[in-house]
Protein backbone atom coordinates (compact mmCIF):
# COMPACT_ATOMS: atom_id res chain seq x y z
CA UNK A 1 0.00 0.00 0.00
CA UNK A 2 1.16 3.52 -0.83
CA UNK A 3 0.24 6.41 1.46
CA UNK A 4 1.01 10.11 1.73
CA UNK A 5 -0.15 12.27 4.64
CA UNK A 6 -0.16 16.07 4.37
CA UNK A 7 -1.96 19.04 5.94
CA UNK A 8 -4.26 19.12 2.89
CA UNK A 9 -5.25 15.52 3.41
CA UNK A 10 -4.27 11.87 3.18
CA UNK A 11 -4.11 9.79 0.01
CA UNK A 12 -3.80 6.00 0.09
CA UNK A 13 -3.64 3.46 -2.73
CA UNK A 14 -4.24 -0.26 -2.22
CA UNK A 15 -3.81 -1.37 -5.83
CA UNK A 16 -7.48 -0.93 -6.72
CA UNK A 17 -8.61 2.38 -5.22
CA UNK A 18 -7.14 5.80 -4.46
CA UNK A 19 -8.76 6.88 -1.21
CA UNK A 20 -8.76 10.63 -0.55
CA UNK A 21 -9.47 11.99 2.94
CA UNK A 22 -9.46 15.79 3.32
CA UNK A 23 -7.27 17.25 6.05
CA UNK A 24 -8.56 19.09 9.10
CA UNK A 25 -6.26 22.07 8.61
CA UNK A 26 -8.14 25.39 8.46
CA UNK A 27 -6.63 26.03 5.05
CA UNK A 28 -8.47 23.07 3.49
CA UNK A 29 -11.33 24.32 1.32
CA UNK A 30 -14.93 24.17 2.50
CA UNK A 31 -15.92 22.16 -0.58
CA UNK A 32 -13.38 19.43 0.10
CA UNK A 33 -14.32 19.21 3.78
CA UNK A 34 -18.04 19.08 2.92
CA UNK A 35 -17.53 16.44 0.23
CA UNK A 36 -15.59 14.27 2.67
CA UNK A 37 -13.81 11.05 1.80
CA UNK A 38 -13.67 10.10 -1.88
CA UNK A 39 -12.85 6.61 -3.15
CA UNK A 40 -11.59 6.69 -6.74
CA UNK A 41 -11.53 3.28 -8.45
CA UNK A 42 -8.55 2.58 -10.68
CA UNK A 43 -10.89 2.28 -13.67
CA UNK A 44 -11.82 5.97 -13.28
CA UNK A 45 -8.25 7.23 -13.61
CA UNK A 46 -6.67 8.59 -16.77
CA UNK A 47 -3.35 9.44 -15.10
CA UNK A 48 -1.46 10.89 -12.15
CA UNK A 49 1.41 13.37 -11.84
CA UNK A 50 3.58 15.17 -9.30
CA UNK A 51 4.76 18.71 -9.97
CA UNK A 52 7.63 19.98 -7.81
CA UNK A 53 7.59 23.62 -6.65
CA UNK A 54 9.79 26.09 -4.78
CA UNK A 55 7.82 25.91 -1.54
CA UNK A 56 5.63 22.88 -2.15
CA UNK A 57 4.78 20.41 -4.87
CA UNK A 58 1.40 19.30 -6.12
CA UNK A 59 0.09 15.77 -6.59
CA UNK A 60 -2.67 15.56 -9.20
CA UNK A 61 -5.07 12.82 -10.20
CA UNK A 62 -6.48 13.06 -13.71
CA UNK A 63 -9.85 11.35 -14.07
CA UNK A 64 -11.32 9.99 -17.26
CA UNK A 65 -13.73 12.38 -18.90
CA UNK A 66 -17.25 11.55 -17.74
CA UNK A 67 -16.15 9.30 -14.85
CA UNK A 68 -17.03 11.72 -12.04
CA UNK A 69 -20.24 13.80 -11.89
CA UNK A 70 -18.46 16.59 -9.96
CA UNK A 71 -15.80 17.01 -12.63
CA UNK A 72 -18.48 16.65 -15.32
CA UNK A 73 -20.60 19.53 -14.01
CA UNK A 74 -17.73 21.87 -13.08
CA UNK A 75 -15.93 21.42 -16.39
CA UNK A 76 -12.50 22.44 -15.11
CA UNK A 77 -13.83 25.65 -13.51
CA UNK A 78 -13.14 24.68 -9.88
CA UNK A 79 -10.32 26.61 -8.24
CA UNK A 80 -7.25 24.51 -7.43
CA UNK A 81 -7.93 24.79 -3.72
CA UNK A 82 -11.41 23.28 -4.12
CA UNK A 83 -10.34 20.47 -6.45
CA UNK A 84 -10.46 17.22 -4.42
CA UNK A 85 -8.06 15.57 -6.85
CA UNK A 86 -5.10 17.81 -6.00
CA UNK A 87 -2.86 17.56 -2.94
CA UNK A 88 -0.27 20.10 -1.80
CA UNK A 89 2.93 18.25 -0.87
CA UNK A 90 5.73 19.65 1.30
CA UNK A 91 9.13 19.49 -0.41
CA UNK A 92 10.52 17.10 2.19
CA UNK A 93 7.83 14.59 1.16
CA UNK A 94 8.40 14.80 -2.59
CA UNK A 95 10.05 11.36 -2.61
CA UNK A 96 6.91 9.82 -1.09
CA UNK A 97 4.77 11.62 -3.69
CA UNK A 98 6.91 10.27 -6.53
CA UNK A 99 6.65 6.74 -5.11
CA UNK A 100 2.87 7.16 -4.91
CA UNK A 101 2.79 8.22 -8.57
CA UNK A 102 4.87 5.20 -9.63
CA UNK A 103 2.58 2.79 -7.77
CA UNK A 104 -0.57 4.16 -9.40
CA UNK A 105 1.00 4.31 -12.87
CA UNK A 106 2.22 0.73 -12.60
CA UNK A 107 -1.26 -0.43 -11.61
CA UNK A 108 -2.79 1.43 -14.56
CA UNK A 109 -0.35 -0.30 -16.92
CA UNK A 110 -0.85 -3.75 -15.41
CA UNK A 111 -4.63 -3.46 -15.49
CA UNK A 112 -4.52 -1.85 -18.95
CA UNK A 113 -7.00 0.82 -17.85
CA UNK A 114 -8.35 2.81 -20.80
CA UNK A 115 -7.70 6.54 -20.54
CA UNK A 116 -10.55 7.49 -22.88
CA UNK A 117 -13.97 8.91 -21.93
CA UNK A 118 -16.27 6.86 -19.71
CA UNK A 119 -19.83 6.07 -20.85
CA UNK A 120 -21.17 5.90 -17.29
CA UNK A 121 -20.29 7.46 -13.95
CA UNK A 122 -17.65 5.50 -12.04
CA UNK A 123 -18.01 7.60 -8.89
CA UNK A 124 -21.35 8.03 -7.08
CA UNK A 125 -21.23 11.76 -6.47
CA UNK A 126 -21.96 13.53 -3.15
CA UNK A 127 -23.98 11.67 -0.54
CA UNK A 128 -27.71 12.30 -0.14
CA UNK A 129 -29.70 14.02 1.14
CA UNK A 130 -27.78 17.23 0.55
CA UNK A 131 -28.69 20.81 1.50
CA UNK A 132 -26.57 23.82 0.55
CA UNK A 133 -27.24 27.50 1.14
CA UNK A 134 -25.35 30.14 -0.85
CA UNK A 135 -26.07 33.19 -2.96
CA UNK A 136 -29.75 34.05 -2.99
CA UNK A 137 -31.12 30.65 -1.98
CA UNK A 138 -30.87 27.21 -0.42
CA UNK A 139 -31.10 24.00 -2.46
CA UNK A 140 -32.06 20.59 -1.06
CA UNK A 141 -31.94 17.34 -3.05
CA UNK A 142 -33.14 13.98 -1.71
CA UNK A 143 -32.62 11.89 -4.83
CA UNK A 144 -36.09 12.46 -6.28
CA UNK A 145 -36.92 16.12 -5.72
CA UNK A 146 -35.02 19.40 -5.81
CA UNK A 147 -36.30 22.15 -3.53
CA UNK A 148 -35.22 25.79 -3.90
CA UNK A 149 -35.93 28.20 -1.05
CA UNK A 150 -35.16 31.92 -1.10
CA UNK A 151 -33.56 34.30 1.39
CA UNK A 152 -33.72 38.02 2.10
CA UNK A 153 -31.22 38.74 -0.69
CA UNK A 154 -33.46 37.24 -3.40
CA UNK A 155 -34.98 39.55 -6.01
CA UNK A 156 -38.60 40.21 -5.00
CA UNK A 157 -40.08 39.16 -8.33
CA UNK A 158 -38.40 35.77 -7.89
CA UNK A 159 -39.14 35.18 -4.20
CA UNK A 160 -42.79 36.25 -4.57
CA UNK A 161 -43.59 32.85 -6.10
CA UNK A 162 -42.39 31.09 -2.95
CA UNK A 163 -40.22 28.00 -2.68
CA UNK A 164 -39.95 25.87 -5.81
CA UNK A 165 -39.92 22.05 -5.93
CA UNK A 166 -38.76 20.28 -9.09
CA UNK A 167 -39.06 16.54 -9.71
CA UNK A 168 -35.82 14.98 -10.95
CA UNK A 169 -37.73 13.52 -13.92
CA UNK A 170 -38.59 17.07 -15.05
CA UNK A 171 -34.97 18.28 -15.15
CA UNK A 172 -33.63 18.56 -18.67
CA UNK A 173 -30.14 19.81 -17.75
CA UNK A 174 -28.09 21.19 -14.86
CA UNK A 175 -25.75 24.16 -15.25
CA UNK A 176 -23.16 25.45 -12.77
CA UNK A 177 -21.04 28.51 -13.35
CA UNK A 178 -18.82 30.20 -10.73
CA UNK A 179 -18.75 33.97 -10.34
CA UNK A 180 -15.81 35.54 -12.17
CA UNK A 181 -14.78 39.18 -11.93
CA UNK A 182 -17.87 41.35 -12.20
CA UNK A 183 -19.94 38.49 -13.62
CA UNK A 184 -22.15 36.59 -11.17
CA UNK A 185 -22.38 32.82 -11.29
CA UNK A 186 -25.35 30.50 -10.89
CA UNK A 187 -26.69 27.01 -10.38
CA UNK A 188 -29.59 26.44 -12.79
CA UNK A 189 -31.94 23.53 -13.32
CA UNK A 190 -33.30 23.62 -16.85
CA UNK A 191 -36.83 22.26 -17.03
CA UNK A 192 -37.98 20.87 -20.36
CA UNK A 193 -41.37 22.60 -20.22
CA UNK A 194 -39.90 26.05 -19.44
CA UNK A 195 -40.63 28.51 -22.25
CA UNK A 196 -37.82 30.98 -21.47
CA UNK A 197 -34.57 31.25 -19.51
CA UNK A 198 -34.34 34.57 -17.66
CA UNK A 199 -31.13 35.70 -15.90
CA UNK A 200 -30.45 33.74 -12.70
CA UNK A 201 -31.39 36.81 -10.67
CA UNK A 202 -35.01 36.38 -11.81
CA UNK A 203 -35.09 32.65 -12.66
CA UNK A 204 -37.15 30.59 -10.13
CA UNK A 205 -35.21 27.51 -11.25
CA UNK A 206 -31.80 29.03 -10.48
CA UNK A 207 -29.69 30.27 -7.57
CA UNK A 208 -27.59 33.35 -8.27
CA UNK A 209 -24.01 33.22 -6.94
CA UNK A 210 -21.90 36.29 -6.13
CA UNK A 211 -18.47 34.80 -5.48
CA UNK A 212 -18.70 34.34 -1.72
CA UNK A 213 -17.06 31.59 0.35
CA UNK A 214 -19.90 29.04 0.17
CA UNK A 215 -20.55 29.41 -3.57
CA UNK A 216 -18.43 26.40 -4.64
CA UNK A 217 -20.62 24.16 -2.47
CA UNK A 218 -23.44 24.58 -4.99
CA UNK A 219 -21.30 22.46 -7.33
CA UNK A 220 -21.87 19.56 -4.92
CA UNK A 221 -25.66 19.86 -5.30
CA UNK A 222 -25.24 20.03 -9.06
CA UNK A 223 -23.05 16.90 -9.03
CA UNK A 224 -25.52 15.00 -6.83
CA UNK A 225 -28.32 15.72 -9.31
CA UNK A 226 -26.24 15.00 -12.41
CA UNK A 227 -25.13 11.65 -10.94
CA UNK A 228 -28.77 10.53 -10.98
CA UNK A 229 -29.52 11.68 -14.52
CA UNK A 230 -28.70 9.79 -17.74
CA UNK A 231 -24.98 9.94 -18.53
CA UNK A 232 -24.12 12.25 -21.48
CA UNK A 233 -22.62 9.29 -23.34
CA UNK A 234 -25.31 6.78 -22.47
CA UNK A 235 -26.45 4.72 -25.46
CA UNK A 236 -30.01 3.46 -26.04
CA UNK A 237 -28.80 0.01 -24.92
CA UNK A 238 -28.03 1.47 -21.49
CA UNK A 239 -31.60 2.73 -21.04
CA UNK A 240 -34.02 0.35 -19.32
CA UNK A 241 -36.54 -0.93 -21.83
CA UNK A 242 -40.12 0.34 -21.58
CA UNK A 243 -43.04 -2.10 -21.77
CA UNK A 244 -43.55 -3.16 -25.35
CA UNK A 245 -46.39 -1.51 -27.28
CA UNK A 246 -49.13 -4.04 -28.14
CA UNK A 247 -48.86 -5.22 -31.74
CA UNK A 248 -52.62 -5.31 -32.24
CA UNK A 249 -55.02 -2.34 -32.08
CA UNK A 250 -56.24 -1.50 -28.59
CA UNK A 251 -59.24 -3.62 -27.72
CA UNK A 252 -60.43 -2.02 -24.50
CA UNK A 253 -59.99 0.92 -22.14
CA UNK A 254 -57.13 -0.73 -20.23
CA UNK A 255 -55.05 -1.05 -23.43
CA UNK A 256 -55.91 2.55 -24.32
CA UNK A 257 -54.63 3.73 -20.92
CA UNK A 258 -51.44 1.71 -21.35
CA UNK A 259 -50.76 3.41 -24.67
CA UNK A 260 -51.32 6.84 -23.14
CA UNK A 261 -48.87 5.99 -20.38
CA UNK A 262 -46.39 4.88 -23.02
CA UNK A 263 -46.73 8.27 -24.72
CA UNK A 264 -46.02 10.05 -21.44
CA UNK A 265 -42.95 7.86 -20.82
CA UNK A 266 -41.62 8.57 -24.29
CA UNK A 267 -42.15 12.29 -23.70
CA UNK A 268 -40.17 12.12 -20.44
CA UNK A 269 -37.29 10.28 -22.13
CA UNK A 270 -37.27 12.83 -24.94
CA UNK A 271 -37.37 15.72 -22.47
CA UNK A 272 -34.43 14.22 -20.56
CA UNK A 273 -32.41 14.04 -23.78
CA UNK A 274 -32.26 10.24 -23.79
CA UNK A 275 -34.24 9.94 -27.03
CA UNK A 276 -33.29 12.07 -30.03
CA UNK A 277 -35.98 14.02 -31.90
CA UNK A 278 -36.00 11.36 -34.64
CA UNK A 279 -36.23 8.44 -32.19
CA UNK A 280 -39.03 10.16 -30.28
CA UNK A 281 -40.99 10.94 -33.45
CA UNK A 282 -40.70 7.34 -34.68
CA UNK A 283 -41.73 5.80 -31.36
CA UNK A 284 -44.58 8.28 -30.89
CA UNK A 285 -45.96 7.55 -34.36
CA UNK A 286 -45.92 3.82 -33.64
CA UNK A 287 -48.01 4.36 -30.49
CA UNK A 288 -50.44 6.75 -32.14
CA UNK A 289 -51.19 4.20 -34.87
CA UNK A 290 -52.50 1.85 -32.18
CA UNK A 291 -54.75 4.34 -30.38
């Protein structure tokens, strides 16, 4: 087993998993402490490196694209201090860091782990339920529903509608963008039936972020939701099959109801981006012919 212990945290590798435990030092980011321990399977890794520095070096894990919902939703926009896959290493421990790198690289070679994109999430994302307050609201996600509640800083036209609850099945996409310079950030849940997308300041499906200390935590909510949505590279074969449509015309009310349910299910799959426009149109036409 390879292990390196630093103020930032402790990394261990047992040949199959890199286990990352954040440190208790006050300098460790709030996001990393809130996320807690992360177990990264070897299959999720694309590489590892150690970069020496004047005062300290940096150990970095590189994950396969699409393997981790947190990296998927943040798209490289997390600050280094909030990135759970980086570890600051004191210069007197650089030899240990280099040994750690060699052990992981050797395992990747022996197991012939592919470095290309993953077609499903190999990490589970943040634990549920999760509640984060930042910017102009608080978001809670229990695995099935997203609830947005507003605070005194929320624009009146947005808070006047009260708290908003969104079913996971109604979410078409999740967007997270950190504040940068004079531009505010946001966490937005795009709903398929929404007719317009106003600025986050006025959007009842979004939390506006101003660049304060707790803002990065909203990325954890985003990752928790994304982890339970269809993977961007999921193929039709990965999607659970729906009940087959009867081959013969509907004979009674029960069959008619089943076909209507089928239409609703197809609409939900299309709204979630699982079915393309062409696939949806073809499947819908096949159902309509039997009504």
